[in-house]
């Protein structure tokens, strides 16, 4: 889901990488974050154009932190870096003015300081572009004026001499100050080669190129212009040093604004995600519980939508008891239910709104989802990897965490697995964590210390409906399956044979299994119905 959280600036992306997890004790900070997102959604509804203007300004911001760090290291900034900084300050000023026009939903610590003195120093030549104009320093202005005068005298001399040559030869100098003569004009070429005021600068197969030979006076003027250029560059360097020092003095404010822009950018990204998912603002309670209504797993929902199917929203109510067991057939949605619950809690504790109609819970110190994968690096089987992971996490049961165990111990024989799961349940009941365990095993608990839920599954499907849908395959199964979690007495439902029939297992095998289990005759699939 974090991949769907898309800040628009480098500052927002950095804040996203550092998004805090709000653990127990951070209830106030988390509530304030949710409230800000909720207020932003209201602002979005009333002022969509202004919100778009804010996003446009944020999207156009460049990363100036390297420039600021360079200034703080007393390395003189180049003109293009000063231009980037000036442009950034102008954009931040516009962003700040736009935010002020919106109803107040940002705390004062999010306000942007645009460093007006620094911006004024970078804007002495005007608002557009950046150039070390004469107004920065009288000495610079004087040097440039003198250089312009020398250029003017040199240009006048060149123009007069070029005009004289043109009158004598009938040839015009091009814009580069060159004469080009074809080699077939041998007589003209001989005359030009013999002129002391022309210099051959290039020759090809077809033509020769001449330029004006500089006189002693012209050479002296060129030397003076070059010397003035060095003085000008030195003076510009001094000015850039002064501006660099100003940037360094404002570094604290500049970097603080970068950080605040990142926070604003991330907040708007959270708002966009909430608008996309239709998220709700959760409610925090002191009681050790977890209640969610109409919860949706957005990624699974999108996957089902691509297949023409609809995600059935989930309701979960974990309150009063530490452990909740969920039973149900394969393909009954137990794993998706656990992942959806884990995702909801994780999103909430990252400061995101939750894709549900309503959510009440107390903050968890951790969320643990059991893994059912082999670990070749440690030489562990699926069962071994699972037990190794549980051995690390179960000792934390005294913390207010959340365990989501998806069919634990299914990698070993059912008899030992049932005993092991019963021991895990007994351990978790005595702790302070909430645990939701999906299982196929029965007879795991004694007494009333555990809540029992069951996926409704195919239990309410009539045999006629089941037989009519057999030809529809997996999609028909998903359409008939009821993923609602309903209270149960702890008995494991027997939908596995119905699922197997849906998935095409031979009818003779299905009917034999029914007889072996001693199921009532009406549940046996009719052999005469065509597959």
Protein backbone atom coordinates (compact mmCIF):
# COMPACT_ATOMS: atom_id res chain seq x y z
CA UNK A 1 0.00 0.00 0.00
CA UNK A 2 2.94 2.32 0.62
CA UNK A 3 3.66 2.12 -3.11
CA UNK A 4 0.28 3.78 -3.67
CA UNK A 5 1.30 6.63 -1.34
CA UNK A 6 2.84 9.06 -3.84
CA UNK A 7 4.39 12.30 -2.54
CA UNK A 8 5.16 14.82 -5.29
CA UNK A 9 8.53 16.14 -4.13
CA UNK A 10 11.86 14.75 -2.99
CA UNK A 11 11.11 16.18 0.45
CA UNK A 12 7.82 14.27 0.69
CA UNK A 13 9.45 11.04 -0.49
CA UNK A 14 12.11 11.41 2.19
CA UNK A 15 9.41 11.90 4.84
CA UNK A 16 7.64 8.82 3.48
CA UNK A 17 10.79 6.74 3.98
CA UNK A 18 10.89 7.97 7.58
CA UNK A 19 7.18 7.61 8.33
CA UNK A 20 6.85 6.80 12.02
CA UNK A 21 4.90 3.89 13.42
CA UNK A 22 2.70 5.24 16.21
CA UNK A 23 3.08 2.80 19.11
CA UNK A 24 1.23 2.73 22.44
CA UNK A 25 1.80 6.06 24.14
CA UNK A 26 1.51 8.01 20.88
CA UNK A 27 -2.28 8.15 20.86
CA UNK A 28 -2.45 11.96 20.89
CA UNK A 29 0.01 12.41 18.00
CA UNK A 30 -1.75 9.77 15.90
CA UNK A 31 -5.20 11.24 16.54
CA UNK A 32 -3.93 14.66 15.47
CA UNK A 33 -2.52 13.17 12.26
CA UNK A 34 -5.84 11.51 11.39
CA UNK A 35 -7.67 14.75 12.16
CA UNK A 36 -5.39 16.66 9.79
CA UNK A 37 -6.10 14.17 6.99
CA UNK A 38 -9.83 14.38 7.69
CA UNK A 39 -9.71 18.20 7.64
CA UNK A 40 -7.71 18.09 4.40
CA UNK A 41 -10.41 15.94 2.80
CA UNK A 42 -13.00 18.55 3.78
CA UNK A 43 -10.83 21.31 2.30
CA UNK A 44 -10.37 19.23 -0.84
CA UNK A 45 -14.12 18.97 -1.19
CA UNK A 46 -14.65 22.74 -0.86
CA UNK A 47 -11.54 24.14 -2.59
CA UNK A 48 -10.36 21.61 -5.20
CA UNK A 49 -8.70 24.25 -7.41
CA UNK A 50 -6.61 25.66 -4.56
CA UNK A 51 -5.56 22.18 -3.49
CA UNK A 52 -4.46 21.51 -7.08
CA UNK A 53 -2.49 24.76 -7.01
CA UNK A 54 -0.70 23.61 -3.84
CA UNK A 55 0.11 20.26 -5.46
CA UNK A 56 1.40 21.98 -8.60
CA UNK A 57 3.78 24.16 -6.58
CA UNK A 58 5.02 21.19 -4.53
CA UNK A 59 5.54 19.11 -7.66
CA UNK A 60 7.76 21.79 -9.21
CA UNK A 61 10.11 22.17 -6.24
CA UNK A 62 13.72 21.17 -6.80
CA UNK A 63 16.03 19.74 -4.16
CA UNK A 64 18.09 22.64 -2.76
CA UNK A 65 19.55 20.80 0.22
CA UNK A 66 22.81 20.13 -1.64
CA UNK A 67 23.16 23.84 -2.39
CA UNK A 68 22.58 24.72 1.26
CA UNK A 69 25.07 22.12 2.48
CA UNK A 70 27.64 23.44 0.01
CA UNK A 71 27.14 26.97 1.34
CA UNK A 72 27.50 25.73 4.92
CA UNK A 73 30.81 24.12 3.91
CA UNK A 74 32.02 27.60 2.80
CA UNK A 75 32.20 26.54 -0.85
CA UNK A 76 31.26 29.45 -3.08
CA UNK A 77 28.02 28.90 -4.98
CA UNK A 78 27.86 29.18 -8.75
CA UNK A 79 25.41 31.50 -10.50
CA UNK A 80 23.17 28.64 -11.62
CA UNK A 81 22.96 27.43 -8.01
CA UNK A 82 22.01 30.90 -6.81
CA UNK A 83 19.38 30.98 -9.57
CA UNK A 84 17.97 27.60 -8.46
CA UNK A 85 17.78 28.85 -4.88
CA UNK A 86 16.08 32.08 -5.90
CA UNK A 87 13.53 30.20 -8.00
CA UNK A 88 12.90 27.80 -5.10
CA UNK A 89 12.28 30.67 -2.67
CA UNK A 90 9.83 32.24 -5.11
CA UNK A 91 7.95 28.93 -5.43
CA UNK A 92 7.87 28.46 -1.65
CA UNK A 93 6.53 32.00 -1.29
CA UNK A 94 3.72 31.22 -3.75
CA UNK A 95 3.04 27.92 -1.96
CA UNK A 96 2.87 29.69 1.39
CA UNK A 97 0.45 32.31 0.04
CA UNK A 98 -1.81 29.60 -1.41
CA UNK A 99 -1.84 27.63 1.86
CA UNK A 100 -2.83 30.78 3.76
CA UNK A 101 -5.97 31.10 1.62
CA UNK A 102 -7.14 27.63 2.68
CA UNK A 103 -9.06 27.05 5.93
CA UNK A 104 -6.62 26.42 8.75
CA UNK A 105 -5.92 22.71 9.06
CA UNK A 106 -2.12 22.77 9.36
CA UNK A 107 -0.41 23.38 12.71
CA UNK A 108 1.86 26.40 13.08
CA UNK A 109 4.92 24.17 12.97
CA UNK A 110 4.04 23.48 9.32
CA UNK A 111 4.21 27.18 8.36
CA UNK A 112 6.79 28.07 5.71
CA UNK A 113 9.40 30.81 6.16
CA UNK A 114 10.46 32.19 2.78
CA UNK A 115 13.62 34.04 3.94
CA UNK A 116 12.59 37.45 2.51
CA UNK A 117 15.99 39.07 3.07
CA UNK A 118 17.78 36.31 1.22
CA UNK A 119 15.20 36.41 -1.58
CA UNK A 120 15.66 40.19 -1.83
CA UNK A 121 19.44 39.74 -2.08
CA UNK A 122 18.98 37.23 -4.91
CA UNK A 123 16.46 39.44 -6.72
CA UNK A 124 18.34 42.75 -7.02
CA UNK A 125 18.35 42.49 -10.81
CA UNK A 126 14.64 41.64 -10.97
CA UNK A 127 12.21 38.80 -10.33
CA UNK A 128 12.97 36.72 -13.42
CA UNK A 129 16.22 34.84 -13.91
CA UNK A 130 19.42 35.48 -12.02
CA UNK A 131 22.36 37.66 -13.00
CA UNK A 132 25.05 39.43 -10.98
CA UNK A 133 23.88 42.82 -12.11
CA UNK A 134 25.84 46.07 -11.75
CA UNK A 135 23.65 47.03 -8.81
CA UNK A 136 25.33 44.39 -6.65
CA UNK A 137 28.58 46.37 -6.40
CA UNK A 138 29.78 49.82 -7.63
CA UNK A 139 33.23 48.45 -8.43
CA UNK A 140 31.71 45.72 -10.58
CA UNK A 141 29.61 48.33 -12.38
CA UNK A 142 32.71 50.47 -13.02
CA UNK A 143 34.75 47.54 -14.38
CA UNK A 144 31.96 46.49 -16.70
CA UNK A 145 31.49 50.04 -17.94
CA UNK A 146 35.18 50.35 -18.73
CA UNK A 147 35.17 46.98 -20.47
CA UNK A 148 32.18 48.00 -22.59
CA UNK A 149 34.04 51.15 -23.63
CA UNK A 150 37.09 49.12 -24.69
CA UNK A 151 34.83 46.73 -26.63
CA UNK A 152 33.22 49.69 -28.35
CA UNK A 153 36.59 51.17 -29.42
CA UNK A 154 37.83 47.80 -30.65
CA UNK A 155 34.62 47.17 -32.59
CA UNK A 156 34.82 50.61 -34.21
CA UNK A 157 38.40 49.96 -35.37
CA UNK A 158 37.41 46.55 -36.78
CA UNK A 159 34.41 47.97 -38.62
CA UNK A 160 36.48 50.78 -40.20
CA UNK A 161 39.20 48.40 -41.40
CA UNK A 162 36.67 45.87 -42.69
CA UNK A 163 34.83 48.64 -44.55
CA UNK A 164 38.13 49.73 -46.16
CA UNK A 165 38.90 46.18 -47.34
CA UNK A 166 35.37 45.78 -48.69
CA UNK A 167 35.72 48.97 -50.77
CA UNK A 168 39.07 47.80 -52.17
CA UNK A 169 38.12 44.14 -52.91
CA UNK A 170 34.35 44.23 -53.33
CA UNK A 171 34.05 41.37 -50.78
CA UNK A 172 31.75 41.49 -47.72
CA UNK A 173 32.77 40.10 -44.32
CA UNK A 174 30.27 37.59 -42.91
CA UNK A 175 28.78 37.80 -39.42
CA UNK A 176 31.82 35.95 -38.08
CA UNK A 177 34.16 38.62 -39.44
CA UNK A 178 35.55 36.37 -42.20
CA UNK A 179 36.02 36.56 -45.98
CA UNK A 180 35.48 33.39 -48.01
CA UNK A 181 36.88 33.14 -51.53
CA UNK A 182 36.58 30.21 -53.93
CA UNK A 183 39.83 28.66 -55.13
CA UNK A 184 38.83 29.13 -58.75
CA UNK A 185 39.30 32.92 -58.19
CA UNK A 186 43.09 32.58 -58.37
CA UNK A 187 43.83 36.23 -59.21
CA UNK A 188 41.75 37.51 -56.31
CA UNK A 189 43.29 34.98 -53.97
CA UNK A 190 46.81 36.15 -54.88
CA UNK A 191 45.86 39.74 -54.08
CA UNK A 192 44.34 38.77 -50.73
CA UNK A 193 47.34 36.64 -49.78
CA UNK A 194 49.60 39.63 -50.41
CA UNK A 195 47.59 41.98 -48.17
CA UNK A 196 49.24 42.71 -44.82
CA UNK A 197 45.89 43.47 -43.15
CA UNK A 198 44.43 39.97 -43.80
CA UNK A 199 45.27 36.62 -42.24
CA UNK A 200 44.49 33.16 -43.69
CA UNK A 201 42.63 31.17 -41.01
CA UNK A 202 41.18 28.16 -42.87
CA UNK A 203 41.31 26.36 -46.20
CA UNK A 204 39.18 23.61 -47.76
CA UNK A 205 39.14 21.89 -51.15
CA UNK A 206 36.97 24.64 -52.61
CA UNK A 207 37.65 27.88 -50.71
CA UNK A 208 39.99 29.88 -48.53
CA UNK A 209 38.91 31.86 -45.46
CA UNK A 210 40.50 35.15 -44.39
CA UNK A 211 40.05 37.29 -41.29
CA UNK A 212 41.26 40.72 -40.24
CA UNK A 213 44.85 40.78 -38.95
CA UNK A 214 44.98 42.57 -35.60
CA UNK A 215 47.10 45.68 -35.34
CA UNK A 216 49.21 46.58 -32.31
CA UNK A 217 46.43 48.89 -31.17
CA UNK A 218 43.84 46.13 -31.51
CA UNK A 219 46.06 43.65 -29.66
CA UNK A 220 46.51 46.12 -26.82
CA UNK A 221 42.76 46.70 -26.59
CA UNK A 222 42.14 42.92 -26.56
CA UNK A 223 44.69 42.51 -23.77
CA UNK A 224 43.04 45.26 -21.76
CA UNK A 225 39.61 43.68 -22.27
CA UNK A 226 40.95 40.29 -21.10
CA UNK A 227 42.51 41.87 -18.02
CA UNK A 228 39.24 43.61 -17.24
CA UNK A 229 37.40 40.30 -17.65
CA UNK A 230 39.63 38.71 -15.02
CA UNK A 231 38.95 41.58 -12.63
CA UNK A 232 35.21 41.32 -13.33
CA UNK A 233 35.23 37.58 -12.64
CA UNK A 234 37.15 38.15 -9.42
CA UNK A 235 34.65 40.77 -8.32
CA UNK A 236 31.74 38.49 -9.25
CA UNK A 237 33.40 35.75 -7.19
CA UNK A 238 33.55 38.10 -4.19
CA UNK A 239 29.83 38.88 -4.63
CA UNK A 240 29.01 35.17 -4.88
CA UNK A 241 31.00 34.62 -1.69
CA UNK A 242 28.90 37.24 0.08
CA UNK A 243 25.68 35.66 -1.20
CA UNK A 244 26.96 32.21 -0.20
CA UNK A 245 27.52 33.47 3.35
CA UNK A 246 23.95 34.77 3.40
CA UNK A 247 22.68 31.37 2.30
CA UNK A 248 24.73 29.70 5.06
CA UNK A 249 23.26 32.08 7.65
CA UNK A 250 19.76 31.17 6.48
CA UNK A 251 20.53 27.43 6.28
CA UNK A 252 18.55 26.57 9.41
CA UNK A 253 15.42 28.21 8.02
CA UNK A 254 15.94 26.80 4.53
CA UNK A 255 16.34 23.22 5.75
CA UNK A 256 13.41 23.65 8.16
CA UNK A 257 11.25 24.73 5.22
CA UNK A 258 12.42 21.67 3.27
CA UNK A 259 11.36 19.47 6.16
CA UNK A 260 8.00 21.22 6.51
CA UNK A 261 7.34 20.99 2.78
CA UNK A 262 8.01 17.27 3.07
CA UNK A 263 5.47 16.99 5.89
CA UNK A 264 2.86 18.94 3.89
CA UNK A 265 3.58 16.90 0.77
CA UNK A 266 3.21 13.62 2.67
CA UNK A 267 -0.01 14.83 4.27
CA UNK A 268 -1.47 15.63 0.85
CA UNK A 269 -0.31 12.21 -0.41
CA UNK A 270 -2.18 10.59 2.50
CA UNK A 271 -5.23 12.64 1.54
CA UNK A 272 -5.04 11.46 -2.08
CA UNK A 273 -4.79 7.85 -0.92
CA UNK A 274 -7.75 8.30 1.42
CA UNK A 275 -9.81 9.81 -1.41
CA UNK A 276 -8.90 6.88 -3.62
CA UNK A 277 -9.75 4.24 -1.00
CA UNK A 278 -12.62 6.01 0.74
CA UNK A 279 -10.89 5.57 4.10
CA UNK A 280 -12.35 6.27 7.53
CA UNK A 281 -10.78 8.03 10.50
CA UNK A 282 -10.25 5.32 13.16
CA UNK A 283 -11.11 5.80 16.82
CA UNK A 284 -8.62 4.97 19.55
CA UNK A 285 -9.87 3.42 22.79
CA UNK A 286 -8.15 2.44 26.01
CA UNK A 287 -9.82 -0.98 26.07
CA UNK A 288 -7.83 -3.87 24.61
CA UNK A 289 -9.98 -4.46 21.55
CA UNK A 290 -10.22 -4.36 17.76
CA UNK A 291 -13.50 -3.66 15.94
CA UNK A 292 -13.71 -2.99 12.20
CA UNK A 293 -16.81 -2.68 10.03
CA UNK A 294 -16.93 -3.10 6.25
CA UNK A 295 -13.17 -3.54 5.91
CA UNK A 296 -11.79 -3.89 2.38
CA UNK A 297 -8.36 -5.06 1.24
CA UNK A 298 -7.70 -2.61 -1.65
CA UNK A 299 -5.19 -4.76 -3.52
CA UNK A 300 -7.36 -7.89 -3.39
CA UNK A 301 -10.39 -5.78 -4.31
CA UNK A 302 -8.60 -4.49 -7.44
CA UNK A 303 -7.53 -8.01 -8.38
CA UNK A 304 -11.09 -9.31 -8.05
CA UNK A 305 -12.48 -6.34 -9.98
CA UNK A 306 -10.20 -7.25 -12.91
CA UNK A 307 -11.94 -10.66 -12.92
CA UNK A 308 -15.42 -9.19 -12.74
CA UNK A 309 -15.81 -10.13 -9.06
CA UNK A 310 -16.59 -8.03 -5.99
CA UNK A 311 -14.73 -8.02 -2.67
CA UNK A 312 -17.09 -8.79 0.21
CA UNK A 313 -16.37 -6.30 3.03
CA UNK A 314 -15.28 -7.83 6.31
CA UNK A 315 -16.57 -7.21 9.84
CA UNK A 316 -14.43 -8.23 12.79
CA UNK A 317 -15.13 -7.78 16.49
CA UNK A 318 -12.34 -8.75 18.89
CA UNK A 319 -13.19 -7.53 22.37
CA UNK A 320 -13.17 -9.11 25.81
CA UNK A 321 -11.12 -12.19 24.93
CA UNK A 322 -7.48 -12.42 23.99
CA UNK A 323 -7.81 -15.16 21.36
CA UNK A 324 -10.25 -15.49 18.47
CA UNK A 325 -10.36 -18.66 16.37
CA UNK A 326 -11.62 -18.48 12.77
CA UNK A 327 -12.60 -21.74 11.11
CA UNK A 328 -13.80 -22.39 7.58
CA UNK A 329 -13.11 -24.29 4.39
CA UNK A 330 -10.20 -23.68 2.06
CA UNK A 331 -10.87 -20.75 -0.29
CA UNK A 332 -13.18 -19.40 2.42
CA UNK A 333 -11.23 -16.17 2.74
CA UNK A 334 -9.57 -16.79 6.12
CA UNK A 335 -6.10 -15.78 4.91
CA UNK A 336 -7.45 -12.68 3.21
CA UNK A 337 -9.34 -11.81 6.40
CA UNK A 338 -6.14 -12.03 8.47
CA UNK A 339 -4.13 -10.01 5.96
CA UNK A 340 -6.89 -7.40 5.71
CA UNK A 341 -6.96 -7.01 9.50
CA UNK A 342 -3.18 -6.75 9.66
CA UNK A 343 -3.14 -4.23 6.83
CA UNK A 344 -5.82 -2.10 8.51
CA UNK A 345 -3.92 -1.94 11.81
CA UNK A 346 -0.59 -1.28 10.06
CA UNK A 347 -2.09 1.50 7.92
CA UNK A 348 -3.75 3.09 10.94
CA UNK A 349 -0.55 3.05 12.98
CA UNK A 350 1.35 4.61 10.06
CA UNK A 351 -1.01 7.56 10.24
CA UNK A 352 -3.16 6.55 7.26
CA UNK A 353 -6.91 6.33 7.02
CA UNK A 354 -8.31 2.81 6.83
CA UNK A 355 -10.38 1.38 3.94
CA UNK A 356 -13.37 0.58 6.15
CA UNK A 357 -16.62 2.17 7.26
CA UNK A 358 -15.61 2.22 10.93
CA UNK A 359 -12.66 1.15 13.07
CA UNK A 360 -12.09 1.19 16.84
CA UNK A 361 -8.94 -0.23 18.38
CA UNK A 362 -6.16 0.27 20.87
CA UNK A 363 -2.63 0.77 19.58
CA UNK A 364 -0.56 -2.38 19.09
CA UNK A 365 3.11 -2.61 19.99
CA UNK A 366 3.60 -5.01 17.06
CA UNK A 367 1.67 -6.85 14.35
CA UNK A 368 2.87 -10.39 13.64
CA UNK A 369 1.63 -12.40 10.67
CA UNK A 370 2.75 -16.03 10.61
CA UNK A 371 4.73 -17.07 7.55
CA UNK A 372 4.23 -20.43 5.86
CA UNK A 373 7.36 -20.56 3.74
CA UNK A 374 10.51 -22.62 3.71
CA UNK A 375 13.81 -21.03 4.73
CA UNK A 376 16.53 -22.71 2.63
CA UNK A 377 19.28 -20.51 4.09
CA UNK A 378 18.66 -21.94 7.55
CA UNK A 379 17.88 -25.41 6.20
CA UNK A 380 14.35 -25.23 7.60
CA UNK A 381 11.18 -26.74 6.20
CA UNK A 382 7.90 -24.83 6.15
CA UNK A 383 7.07 -26.16 9.60
CA UNK A 384 10.57 -25.49 10.90
CA UNK A 385 10.60 -21.92 9.61
CA UNK A 386 7.19 -21.29 11.16
CA UNK A 387 8.19 -22.62 14.59
CA UNK A 388 11.48 -20.71 14.50
CA UNK A 389 9.56 -17.49 13.84
CA UNK A 390 6.97 -18.22 16.53
CA UNK A 391 9.73 -18.97 19.03
CA UNK A 392 11.01 -15.43 18.48
CA UNK A 393 7.62 -13.72 18.75
CA UNK A 394 5.52 -15.64 21.27
CA UNK A 395 7.58 -14.45 24.28
CA UNK A 396 6.26 -10.94 23.50
CA UNK A 397 2.68 -12.00 24.30
CA UNK A 398 2.68 -9.85 27.44
CA UNK A 399 2.87 -6.74 25.20
CA UNK A 400 -0.28 -5.24 23.59
CA UNK A 401 0.52 -6.76 20.22
CA UNK A 402 -1.52 -8.45 17.50
CA UNK A 403 -0.85 -12.04 16.41
CA UNK A 404 -2.33 -13.18 13.10
CA UNK A 405 -1.67 -16.90 12.78
CA UNK A 406 -2.71 -18.44 9.48
CA UNK A 407 -3.29 -22.18 9.99
CA UNK A 408 -0.40 -22.71 12.40
CA UNK A 409 1.26 -26.15 12.51
CA UNK A 410 -0.32 -27.25 9.25
CA UNK A 411 3.12 -28.47 8.15
CA UNK A 412 3.04 -31.43 10.56
CA UNK A 413 0.61 -34.27 11.29
CA UNK A 414 -2.85 -33.15 12.46
CA UNK A 415 -2.69 -34.93 15.83
CA UNK A 416 0.54 -33.28 16.97
CA UNK A 417 -0.40 -30.05 15.20
CA UNK A 418 -3.65 -29.82 17.19
CA UNK A 419 -1.76 -30.27 20.46
CA UNK A 420 0.80 -27.65 19.47
CA UNK A 421 -1.85 -25.11 18.47
CA UNK A 422 -3.74 -25.78 21.70
CA UNK A 423 -0.54 -25.02 23.62
CA UNK A 424 -0.04 -21.77 21.66
CA UNK A 425 -3.63 -20.73 22.39
CA UNK A 426 -3.18 -21.47 26.11
CA UNK A 427 0.00 -19.36 26.08
CA UNK A 428 -1.67 -16.41 24.31
CA UNK A 429 -4.75 -16.45 26.53
CA UNK A 430 -2.54 -15.60 29.50
CA UNK A 431 -0.90 -12.62 27.78
CA UNK A 432 -1.89 -9.07 26.90
CA UNK A 433 -1.88 -9.39 23.12
CA UNK A 434 -4.81 -9.99 20.82
CA UNK A 435 -4.56 -13.10 18.64
CA UNK A 436 -6.65 -14.10 15.64
CA UNK A 437 -5.98 -17.65 14.51
CA UNK A 438 -7.32 -19.25 11.34
CA UNK A 439 -7.39 -23.05 11.53
CA UNK A 440 -8.96 -26.28 10.22
CA UNK A 441 -8.24 -28.12 13.45
CA UNK A 442 -10.95 -28.92 16.00
CA UNK A 443 -10.95 -29.55 19.73
CA UNK A 444 -8.32 -26.92 20.42
CA UNK A 445 -9.83 -25.15 23.40
CA UNK A 446 -11.68 -25.81 26.60
CA UNK A 447 -13.80 -23.35 28.51
CA UNK A 448 -14.91 -19.89 27.46
CA UNK A 449 -11.52 -18.16 27.21
CA UNK A 450 -11.60 -18.06 23.40
CA UNK A 451 -13.98 -16.51 20.88
CA UNK A 452 -15.04 -18.68 17.96
CA UNK A 453 -15.87 -17.33 14.51
CA UNK A 454 -16.61 -19.20 11.34
CA UNK A 455 -16.61 -18.25 7.68
CA UNK A 456 -20.21 -18.77 6.56
CA UNK A 457 -18.81 -20.26 3.35
CA UNK A 458 -21.20 -22.58 1.53
CA UNK A 459 -23.19 -23.55 4.60
CA UNK A 460 -26.27 -21.63 3.44
CA UNK A 461 -26.09 -22.82 -0.16
CA UNK A 462 -28.85 -25.24 -1.16
CA UNK A 463 -27.83 -28.50 -2.89
CA UNK A 464 -29.70 -27.45 -6.05
CA UNK A 465 -27.76 -24.19 -6.19
CA UNK A 466 -24.54 -26.06 -5.66
CA UNK A 467 -25.20 -28.55 -8.44
CA UNK A 468 -26.25 -25.83 -10.89
CA UNK A 469 -23.06 -23.91 -10.26
CA UNK A 470 -20.65 -26.84 -10.61
CA UNK A 471 -20.06 -26.14 -14.29
CA UNK A 472 -19.13 -22.55 -13.51
CA UNK A 473 -15.81 -23.44 -11.93
CA UNK A 474 -13.82 -21.25 -9.57
CA UNK A 475 -15.57 -17.98 -10.43
CA UNK A 476 -18.95 -19.50 -9.60
CA UNK A 477 -17.53 -20.75 -6.31
CA UNK A 478 -16.36 -17.28 -5.35
CA UNK A 479 -19.75 -15.85 -6.22
CA UNK A 480 -21.56 -18.40 -4.05
CA UNK A 481 -19.11 -18.29 -1.15
CA UNK A 482 -20.24 -16.18 1.80
CA UNK A 483 -17.11 -14.70 3.45
CA UNK A 484 -19.00 -13.32 6.45
CA UNK A 485 -17.50 -14.16 9.85
CA UNK A 486 -20.27 -15.50 12.09
CA UNK A 487 -20.18 -16.78 15.69
CA UNK A 488 -19.76 -20.53 16.03
CA UNK A 489 -19.48 -23.18 18.69
CA UNK A 490 -15.95 -24.09 17.67
CA UNK A 491 -16.91 -26.91 15.28
CA UNK A 492 -14.99 -27.01 12.03
CA UNK A 493 -17.33 -26.64 9.01
CA UNK A 494 -17.26 -29.32 6.33
CA UNK A 495 -17.14 -27.40 3.09
CA UNK A 496 -13.97 -29.00 1.77
CA UNK A 497 -15.81 -31.59 -0.34
CA UNK A 498 -18.00 -28.89 -1.87
CA UNK A 499 -14.92 -26.88 -2.76
CA UNK A 500 -13.24 -29.99 -4.21
CA UNK A 501 -16.30 -30.61 -6.40
CA UNK A 502 -16.19 -27.01 -7.62
CA UNK A 503 -12.56 -27.40 -8.59
CA UNK A 504 -13.23 -30.46 -10.72
CA UNK A 505 -12.24 -33.44 -8.56
CA UNK A 506 -13.78 -36.62 -9.98
CA UNK A 507 -17.34 -37.23 -8.69
CA UNK A 508 -16.60 -40.81 -7.75
CA UNK A 509 -13.93 -39.58 -5.35
CA UNK A 510 -16.26 -36.94 -3.90
CA UNK A 511 -19.13 -39.43 -3.36
CA UNK A 512 -16.82 -42.00 -1.78
CA UNK A 513 -15.53 -39.36 0.63
CA UNK A 514 -19.12 -38.50 1.62
CA UNK A 515 -19.89 -42.14 2.34
CA UNK A 516 -16.61 -42.60 4.24
CA UNK A 517 -17.47 -39.60 6.46
CA UNK A 518 -21.02 -40.86 6.99
CA UNK A 519 -22.59 -37.64 5.76
CA UNK A 520 -26.38 -37.49 5.22
CA UNK A 521 -27.55 -38.76 1.88
CA UNK A 522 -28.92 -35.35 0.73
CA UNK A 523 -25.40 -33.91 0.79
CA UNK A 524 -24.07 -36.49 -1.66
CA UNK A 525 -23.53 -35.01 -5.10
CA UNK A 526 -25.90 -36.56 -7.66
CA UNK A 527 -23.99 -38.84 -10.05
CA UNK A 528 -26.49 -38.22 -12.83
CA UNK A 529 -25.81 -34.48 -13.10
CA UNK A 530 -23.51 -33.76 -15.99
CA UNK A 531 -20.16 -32.20 -15.21
